[in-house]
Amino acid sequence: MAIIDEVSEQIKVSMRARDKARTTSLRNIRAAFIEALKADGSETLSDASAVAILTRLGKQRRESIEAYTAGGREDLVAAEQAELAIIETWLPTLADEDTVRGWVAEAVAATGASGPSDIGKVMGALMKAHKGDFDGKMGNQLVRQALA
């Protein structure tokens, strides 16, 4: 079953269970899918496109969590974390830090990078080889550490 269809089915299930928070989160996901369908005028949404949208939504939620935590709004942090947990059910698992550290070492060796001025080259090689397999923010931090 396609991700967009799974989301629609989960909305029905959560509505029957009267789980308002989950229903709202799922409706937000479906709204993002529908917006993407309208943007390019297509009739269906591929799973790859759905994962890209979910990745973007997950990134937005993580940024919101950071901002709300910095602002001391724990009530909003909890709501965003709950929504992020729902989004992550359809996202592929990301590589752990040790795996990414190994990929960074490979990318540094492949590009011949020697200092902080080569961060762009290393990140380019890393993203080309492993885009979507790791968190870009973590990858950037590890590249900066490796080239420092």
N, C-alpha and C. Protein backbone atom coordinates (compact mmCIF):
# COMPACT_ATOMS: atom_id res chain seq x y z
N MET A 1 0.85 -1.17 0.00
CA MET A 1 0.00 0.00 0.00
C MET A 1 0.90 1.24 0.00
N ALA A 2 0.51 2.23 -0.79
CA ALA A 2 1.28 3.47 -0.89
C ALA A 2 1.18 4.24 0.43
N ILE A 3 2.18 5.05 0.69
CA ILE A 3 2.23 5.81 1.95
C ILE A 3 1.03 6.72 2.07
N ILE A 4 0.64 7.38 0.98
CA ILE A 4 -0.50 8.29 1.04
C ILE A 4 -1.77 7.54 1.41
N ASP A 5 -1.91 6.32 0.93
CA ASP A 5 -3.08 5.50 1.27
C ASP A 5 -3.02 5.03 2.73
N GLU A 6 -1.80 4.71 3.20
CA GLU A 6 -1.64 4.31 4.60
C GLU A 6 -2.03 5.44 5.53
N VAL A 7 -1.63 6.66 5.17
CA VAL A 7 -1.97 7.82 6.01
C VAL A 7 -3.48 7.99 6.06
N SER A 8 -4.14 7.86 4.92
CA SER A 8 -5.60 7.99 4.88
C SER A 8 -6.27 6.92 5.74
N GLU A 9 -5.77 5.71 5.68
CA GLU A 9 -6.32 4.63 6.51
C GLU A 9 -6.09 4.90 7.99
N GLN A 10 -4.90 5.39 8.32
CA GLN A 10 -4.59 5.70 9.72
C GLN A 10 -5.47 6.82 10.26
N ILE A 11 -5.84 7.76 9.39
CA ILE A 11 -6.76 8.83 9.80
C ILE A 11 -8.08 8.23 10.23
N LYS A 12 -8.59 7.30 9.44
CA LYS A 12 -9.87 6.65 9.76
C LYS A 12 -9.78 5.92 11.10
N VAL A 13 -8.68 5.20 11.28
CA VAL A 13 -8.50 4.43 12.52
C VAL A 13 -8.43 5.38 13.72
N SER A 14 -7.68 6.45 13.60
CA SER A 14 -7.54 7.37 14.73
C SER A 14 -8.83 8.13 15.01
N MET A 15 -9.61 8.37 13.96
CA MET A 15 -10.91 9.03 14.17
C MET A 15 -11.85 8.09 14.93
N ARG A 16 -11.84 6.81 14.56
CA ARG A 16 -12.69 5.84 15.26
C ARG A 16 -12.27 5.70 16.72
N ALA A 17 -10.96 5.82 16.97
CA ALA A 17 -10.44 5.70 18.33
C ALA A 17 -10.58 7.01 19.11
N ARG A 18 -11.04 8.04 18.43
CA ARG A 18 -11.21 9.38 19.02
C ARG A 18 -9.90 9.93 19.58
N ASP A 19 -8.83 9.67 18.85
CA ASP A 19 -7.50 10.17 19.21
C ASP A 19 -7.27 11.48 18.45
N LYS A 20 -7.65 12.58 19.06
CA LYS A 20 -7.63 13.87 18.37
C LYS A 20 -6.22 14.31 17.97
N ALA A 21 -5.25 14.10 18.85
CA ALA A 21 -3.89 14.54 18.55
C ALA A 21 -3.33 13.78 17.35
N ARG A 22 -3.51 12.46 17.32
CA ARG A 22 -3.02 11.65 16.20
C ARG A 22 -3.77 12.01 14.92
N THR A 23 -5.06 12.20 15.01
CA THR A 23 -5.85 12.56 13.84
C THR A 23 -5.37 13.88 13.25
N THR A 24 -5.13 14.86 14.11
CA THR A 24 -4.65 16.16 13.64
C THR A 24 -3.29 16.02 12.96
N SER A 25 -2.40 15.26 13.55
CA SER A 25 -1.07 15.06 12.96
C SER A 25 -1.17 14.38 11.60
N LEU A 26 -1.99 13.36 11.51
CA LEU A 26 -2.16 12.64 10.24
C LEU A 26 -2.81 13.53 9.19
N ARG A 27 -3.74 14.36 9.60
CA ARG A 27 -4.36 15.29 8.65
C ARG A 27 -3.35 16.30 8.13
N ASN A 28 -2.44 16.74 8.98
CA ASN A 28 -1.39 17.66 8.55
C ASN A 28 -0.48 16.99 7.51
N ILE A 29 -0.17 15.73 7.73
CA ILE A 29 0.64 14.98 6.77
C ILE A 29 -0.10 14.86 5.45
N ARG A 30 -1.37 14.47 5.52
CA ARG A 30 -2.15 14.33 4.28
C ARG A 30 -2.28 15.66 3.56
N ALA A 31 -2.41 16.76 4.30
CA ALA A 31 -2.50 18.09 3.68
C ALA A 31 -1.21 18.41 2.92
N ALA A 32 -0.07 18.04 3.48
CA ALA A 32 1.20 18.27 2.79
C ALA A 32 1.27 17.43 1.51
N PHE A 33 0.75 16.20 1.56
CA PHE A 33 0.71 15.35 0.37
C PHE A 33 -0.19 15.96 -0.70
N ILE A 34 -1.36 16.42 -0.29
CA ILE A 34 -2.31 17.00 -1.24
C ILE A 34 -1.74 18.27 -1.86
N GLU A 35 -1.06 19.05 -1.05
CA GLU A 35 -0.42 20.27 -1.56
C GLU A 35 0.61 19.93 -2.64
N ALA A 36 1.38 18.87 -2.41
CA ALA A 36 2.37 18.44 -3.41
C ALA A 36 1.69 17.95 -4.68
N LEU A 37 0.57 17.25 -4.54
CA LEU A 37 -0.17 16.78 -5.71
C LEU A 37 -0.68 17.96 -6.53
N LYS A 38 -1.20 18.97 -5.86
CA LYS A 38 -1.73 20.14 -6.56
C LYS A 38 -0.61 20.96 -7.20
N ALA A 39 0.55 20.98 -6.56
CA ALA A 39 1.66 21.78 -7.07
C ALA A 39 2.13 21.30 -8.44
N ASP A 40 2.18 19.99 -8.63
CA ASP A 40 2.63 19.49 -9.93
C ASP A 40 1.50 18.92 -10.78
N GLY A 41 0.28 18.98 -10.28
CA GLY A 41 -0.88 18.57 -11.06
C GLY A 41 -1.00 17.09 -11.31
N SER A 42 -0.33 16.28 -10.51
CA SER A 42 -0.39 14.84 -10.73
C SER A 42 -1.57 14.23 -9.97
N GLU A 43 -1.89 13.01 -10.34
CA GLU A 43 -3.01 12.29 -9.74
C GLU A 43 -2.57 11.43 -8.56
N THR A 44 -1.32 10.96 -8.61
CA THR A 44 -0.81 10.08 -7.56
C THR A 44 0.51 10.63 -7.02
N LEU A 45 0.86 10.13 -5.84
CA LEU A 45 2.10 10.54 -5.19
C LEU A 45 2.94 9.29 -4.97
N SER A 46 4.13 9.28 -5.54
CA SER A 46 5.00 8.11 -5.36
C SER A 46 5.50 8.06 -3.91
N ASP A 47 5.91 6.87 -3.51
CA ASP A 47 6.43 6.71 -2.15
C ASP A 47 7.71 7.54 -1.97
N ALA A 48 8.53 7.66 -3.02
CA ALA A 48 9.75 8.45 -2.92
C ALA A 48 9.41 9.93 -2.66
N SER A 49 8.40 10.43 -3.34
CA SER A 49 7.97 11.81 -3.11
C SER A 49 7.39 11.97 -1.71
N ALA A 50 6.63 10.98 -1.28
CA ALA A 50 6.03 11.03 0.06
C ALA A 50 7.12 11.03 1.13
N VAL A 51 8.16 10.22 0.94
CA VAL A 51 9.26 10.18 1.90
C VAL A 51 9.98 11.53 1.92
N ALA A 52 10.15 12.15 0.76
CA ALA A 52 10.79 13.47 0.71
C ALA A 52 9.96 14.49 1.48
N ILE A 53 8.66 14.44 1.32
CA ILE A 53 7.76 15.36 2.04
C ILE A 53 7.83 15.09 3.54
N LEU A 54 7.79 13.81 3.91
CA LEU A 54 7.86 13.44 5.33
C LEU A 54 9.20 13.85 5.94
N THR A 55 10.27 13.75 5.17
CA THR A 55 11.58 14.18 5.65
C THR A 55 11.57 15.68 5.94
N ARG A 56 10.96 16.44 5.04
CA ARG A 56 10.87 17.89 5.22
C ARG A 56 10.02 18.21 6.45
N LEU A 57 8.90 17.52 6.61
CA LEU A 57 8.05 17.74 7.78
C LEU A 57 8.78 17.38 9.08
N GLY A 58 9.54 16.29 9.04
CA GLY A 58 10.31 15.89 10.22
C GLY A 58 11.35 16.92 10.58
N LYS A 59 12.01 17.47 9.57
CA LYS A 59 13.02 18.51 9.83
C LYS A 59 12.36 19.74 10.44
N GLN A 60 11.19 20.11 9.93
CA GLN A 60 10.47 21.25 10.50
C GLN A 60 10.12 21.00 11.96
N ARG A 61 9.69 19.79 12.28
CA ARG A 61 9.33 19.47 13.65
C ARG A 61 10.54 19.54 14.57
N ARG A 62 11.69 19.02 14.09
CA ARG A 62 12.91 19.07 14.91
C ARG A 62 13.33 20.51 15.18
N GLU A 63 13.24 21.36 14.17
CA GLU A 63 13.59 22.77 14.35
C GLU A 63 12.62 23.44 15.33
N SER A 64 11.35 23.09 15.24
CA SER A 64 10.37 23.64 16.17
C SER A 64 10.66 23.19 17.59
N ILE A 65 11.02 21.93 17.75
CA ILE A 65 11.34 21.41 19.08
C ILE A 65 12.52 22.17 19.68
N GLU A 66 13.56 22.43 18.87
CA GLU A 66 14.70 23.20 19.36
C GLU A 66 14.28 24.60 19.78
N ALA A 67 13.47 25.25 18.95
CA ALA A 67 13.04 26.62 19.25
C ALA A 67 12.16 26.66 20.50
N TYR A 68 11.24 25.73 20.61
CA TYR A 68 10.36 25.71 21.78
C TYR A 68 11.12 25.37 23.05
N THR A 69 12.11 24.49 22.94
CA THR A 69 12.92 24.15 24.10
C THR A 69 13.71 25.37 24.56
N ALA A 70 14.28 26.09 23.61
CA ALA A 70 15.04 27.30 23.95
C ALA A 70 14.13 28.36 24.57
N GLY A 71 12.86 28.38 24.15
CA GLY A 71 11.91 29.35 24.69
C GLY A 71 11.21 28.90 25.95
N GLY A 72 11.50 27.68 26.40
CA GLY A 72 10.90 27.18 27.63
C GLY A 72 9.44 26.78 27.49
N ARG A 73 9.01 26.42 26.28
CA ARG A 73 7.61 26.03 26.04
C ARG A 73 7.50 24.51 25.96
N GLU A 74 7.56 23.86 27.11
CA GLU A 74 7.54 22.41 27.17
C GLU A 74 6.22 21.81 26.66
N ASP A 75 5.12 22.55 26.80
CA ASP A 75 3.84 22.06 26.30
C ASP A 75 3.88 21.91 24.78
N LEU A 76 4.48 22.88 24.10
CA LEU A 76 4.58 22.81 22.65
C LEU A 76 5.64 21.79 22.21
N VAL A 77 6.67 21.62 23.01
CA VAL A 77 7.69 20.62 22.71
C VAL A 77 7.05 19.24 22.68
N ALA A 78 6.22 18.94 23.66
CA ALA A 78 5.57 17.63 23.74
C ALA A 78 4.68 17.39 22.52
N ALA A 79 3.95 18.40 22.09
CA ALA A 79 3.07 18.25 20.93
C ALA A 79 3.88 18.01 19.66
N GLU A 80 4.98 18.74 19.50
CA GLU A 80 5.82 18.56 18.31
C GLU A 80 6.51 17.20 18.32
N GLN A 81 6.92 16.73 19.50
CA GLN A 81 7.56 15.41 19.59
C GLN A 81 6.57 14.31 19.24
N ALA A 82 5.33 14.46 19.65
CA ALA A 82 4.31 13.47 19.32
C ALA A 82 4.07 13.43 17.82
N GLU A 83 4.03 14.61 17.20
CA GLU A 83 3.83 14.66 15.75
C GLU A 83 5.04 14.10 15.01
N LEU A 84 6.24 14.38 15.52
CA LEU A 84 7.46 13.85 14.91
C LEU A 84 7.48 12.33 14.98
N ALA A 85 7.03 11.77 16.08
CA ALA A 85 6.98 10.31 16.23
C ALA A 85 6.07 9.68 15.18
N ILE A 86 4.97 10.34 14.89
CA ILE A 86 4.05 9.83 13.87
C ILE A 86 4.69 9.93 12.49
N ILE A 87 5.34 11.03 12.21
CA ILE A 87 6.00 11.22 10.91
C ILE A 87 7.08 10.17 10.72
N GLU A 88 7.84 9.90 11.77
CA GLU A 88 8.96 8.96 11.66
C GLU A 88 8.54 7.52 11.42
N THR A 89 7.26 7.19 11.61
CA THR A 89 6.83 5.82 11.34
C THR A 89 6.96 5.48 9.86
N TRP A 90 6.93 6.49 8.99
CA TRP A 90 7.05 6.25 7.55
C TRP A 90 8.42 6.60 7.00
N LEU A 91 9.29 7.12 7.82
CA LEU A 91 10.63 7.49 7.35
C LEU A 91 11.59 6.31 7.51
N PRO A 92 12.53 6.18 6.57
CA PRO A 92 13.54 5.14 6.75
C PRO A 92 14.45 5.52 7.92
N THR A 93 15.03 4.52 8.56
CA THR A 93 15.91 4.82 9.68
C THR A 93 17.21 5.41 9.15
N LEU A 94 17.73 6.37 9.88
CA LEU A 94 18.97 7.03 9.49
C LEU A 94 20.16 6.32 10.11
N ALA A 95 21.31 6.47 9.47
CA ALA A 95 22.53 5.85 9.97
C ALA A 95 22.95 6.47 11.29
N ASP A 96 23.58 5.66 12.12
CA ASP A 96 24.06 6.17 13.40
C ASP A 96 25.35 6.96 13.21
N GLU A 97 25.80 7.60 14.27
CA GLU A 97 26.95 8.50 14.19
C GLU A 97 28.23 7.78 13.76
N ASP A 98 28.45 6.58 14.25
CA ASP A 98 29.68 5.84 13.90
C ASP A 98 29.72 5.52 12.41
N THR A 99 28.58 5.14 11.85
CA THR A 99 28.51 4.84 10.42
C THR A 99 28.80 6.09 9.60
N VAL A 100 28.19 7.20 9.99
CA VAL A 100 28.40 8.46 9.27
C VAL A 100 29.86 8.88 9.40
N ARG A 101 30.45 8.67 10.56
CA ARG A 101 31.87 9.02 10.77
C ARG A 101 32.74 8.24 9.78
N GLY A 102 32.42 6.98 9.53
CA GLY A 102 33.15 6.17 8.55
C GLY A 102 32.96 6.71 7.14
N TRP A 103 31.73 7.10 6.81
CA TRP A 103 31.47 7.67 5.48
C TRP A 103 32.22 8.98 5.30
N VAL A 104 32.30 9.78 6.37
CA VAL A 104 33.03 11.06 6.31
C VAL A 104 34.50 10.78 6.03
N ALA A 105 35.07 9.79 6.72
CA ALA A 105 36.49 9.45 6.50
C ALA A 105 36.71 9.02 5.05
N GLU A 106 35.79 8.24 4.49
CA GLU A 106 35.89 7.82 3.09
C GLU A 106 35.82 9.02 2.17
N ALA A 107 34.89 9.94 2.44
CA ALA A 107 34.72 11.11 1.59
C ALA A 107 35.94 12.03 1.66
N VAL A 108 36.52 12.17 2.84
CA VAL A 108 37.73 12.99 2.99
C VAL A 108 38.86 12.38 2.19
N ALA A 109 39.01 11.07 2.27
CA ALA A 109 40.07 10.40 1.52
C ALA A 109 39.83 10.49 0.01
N ALA A 110 38.59 10.33 -0.41
CA ALA A 110 38.27 10.36 -1.84
C ALA A 110 38.47 11.74 -2.45
N THR A 111 38.18 12.78 -1.69
CA THR A 111 38.31 14.15 -2.23
C THR A 111 39.68 14.74 -2.00
N GLY A 112 40.47 14.13 -1.15
CA GLY A 112 41.79 14.66 -0.85
C GLY A 112 41.73 15.95 -0.04
N ALA A 113 40.68 16.11 0.72
CA ALA A 113 40.48 17.32 1.52
C ALA A 113 41.54 17.41 2.61
N SER A 114 41.94 18.66 2.88
CA SER A 114 43.01 18.83 3.87
C SER A 114 42.69 19.86 4.95
N GLY A 115 41.66 20.65 4.75
CA GLY A 115 41.37 21.68 5.75
C GLY A 115 39.94 22.17 5.66
N PRO A 116 39.60 23.11 6.53
CA PRO A 116 38.23 23.63 6.59
C PRO A 116 37.72 24.24 5.27
N SER A 117 38.61 24.65 4.40
CA SER A 117 38.18 25.22 3.12
C SER A 117 37.60 24.15 2.18
N ASP A 118 37.81 22.88 2.51
CA ASP A 118 37.33 21.78 1.67
C ASP A 118 36.03 21.16 2.17
N ILE A 119 35.35 21.80 3.12
CA ILE A 119 34.11 21.26 3.69
C ILE A 119 33.07 21.03 2.59
N GLY A 120 32.95 21.97 1.68
CA GLY A 120 31.97 21.86 0.59
C GLY A 120 32.22 20.64 -0.29
N LYS A 121 33.49 20.40 -0.62
CA LYS A 121 33.83 19.25 -1.46
C LYS A 121 33.46 17.95 -0.75
N VAL A 122 33.81 17.85 0.53
CA VAL A 122 33.55 16.63 1.29
C VAL A 122 32.04 16.42 1.44
N MET A 123 31.31 17.49 1.79
CA MET A 123 29.86 17.37 1.95
C MET A 123 29.20 16.97 0.62
N GLY A 124 29.70 17.52 -0.48
CA GLY A 124 29.16 17.16 -1.79
C GLY A 124 29.34 15.68 -2.08
N ALA A 125 30.54 15.17 -1.81
CA ALA A 125 30.81 13.75 -2.04
C ALA A 125 29.97 12.88 -1.10
N LEU A 126 29.85 13.32 0.15
CA LEU A 126 29.07 12.57 1.14
C LEU A 126 27.60 12.53 0.74
N MET A 127 27.05 13.65 0.34
CA MET A 127 25.63 13.71 -0.04
C MET A 127 25.39 12.92 -1.33
N LYS A 128 26.32 12.97 -2.24
CA LYS A 128 26.16 12.22 -3.50
C LYS A 128 26.09 10.71 -3.23
N ALA A 129 26.93 10.25 -2.32
CA ALA A 129 27.00 8.82 -2.05
C ALA A 129 25.91 8.34 -1.10
N HIS A 130 25.47 9.20 -0.15
CA HIS A 130 24.59 8.71 0.92
C HIS A 130 23.41 9.63 1.21
N LYS A 131 22.92 10.37 0.24
CA LYS A 131 21.82 11.30 0.48
C LYS A 131 20.60 10.55 1.01
N GLY A 132 20.04 11.05 2.08
CA GLY A 132 18.86 10.43 2.67
C GLY A 132 19.17 9.33 3.66
N ASP A 133 20.45 8.94 3.74
CA ASP A 133 20.83 7.86 4.66
C ASP A 133 21.28 8.38 6.02
N PHE A 134 21.48 9.71 6.14
CA PHE A 134 21.96 10.28 7.39
C PHE A 134 21.41 11.68 7.57
N ASP A 135 21.51 12.17 8.79
CA ASP A 135 21.08 13.53 9.10
C ASP A 135 22.16 14.49 8.62
N GLY A 136 21.79 15.40 7.74
CA GLY A 136 22.75 16.33 7.15
C GLY A 136 23.44 17.22 8.17
N LYS A 137 22.71 17.61 9.18
CA LYS A 137 23.29 18.48 10.22
C LYS A 137 24.40 17.74 10.97
N MET A 138 24.13 16.48 11.32
CA MET A 138 25.15 15.68 11.99
C MET A 138 26.34 15.45 11.06
N GLY A 139 26.06 15.18 9.79
CA GLY A 139 27.12 14.97 8.81
C GLY A 139 28.02 16.18 8.68
N ASN A 140 27.42 17.36 8.66
CA ASN A 140 28.19 18.60 8.55
C ASN A 140 29.09 18.77 9.77
N GLN A 141 28.56 18.48 10.96
CA GLN A 141 29.37 18.61 12.18
C GLN A 141 30.54 17.64 12.15
N LEU A 142 30.30 16.41 11.69
CA LEU A 142 31.37 15.42 11.64
C LEU A 142 32.43 15.79 10.61
N VAL A 143 32.00 16.37 9.48
CA VAL A 143 32.96 16.81 8.47
C VAL A 143 33.82 17.93 9.03
N ARG A 144 33.19 18.87 9.72
CA ARG A 144 33.95 19.99 10.33
C ARG A 144 34.96 19.46 11.34
N GLN A 145 34.57 18.47 12.13
CA GLN A 145 35.50 17.87 13.11
C GLN A 145 36.66 17.19 12.40
N ALA A 146 36.34 16.47 11.33
CA ALA A 146 37.40 15.72 10.61
C ALA A 146 38.40 16.66 9.93
N LEU A 147 37.93 17.81 9.50
CA LEU A 147 38.82 18.73 8.78
C LEU A 147 39.42 19.81 9.66
N ALA A 148 39.09 19.80 10.94
CA ALA A 148 39.62 20.84 11.84
C ALA A 148 41.08 20.63 12.16
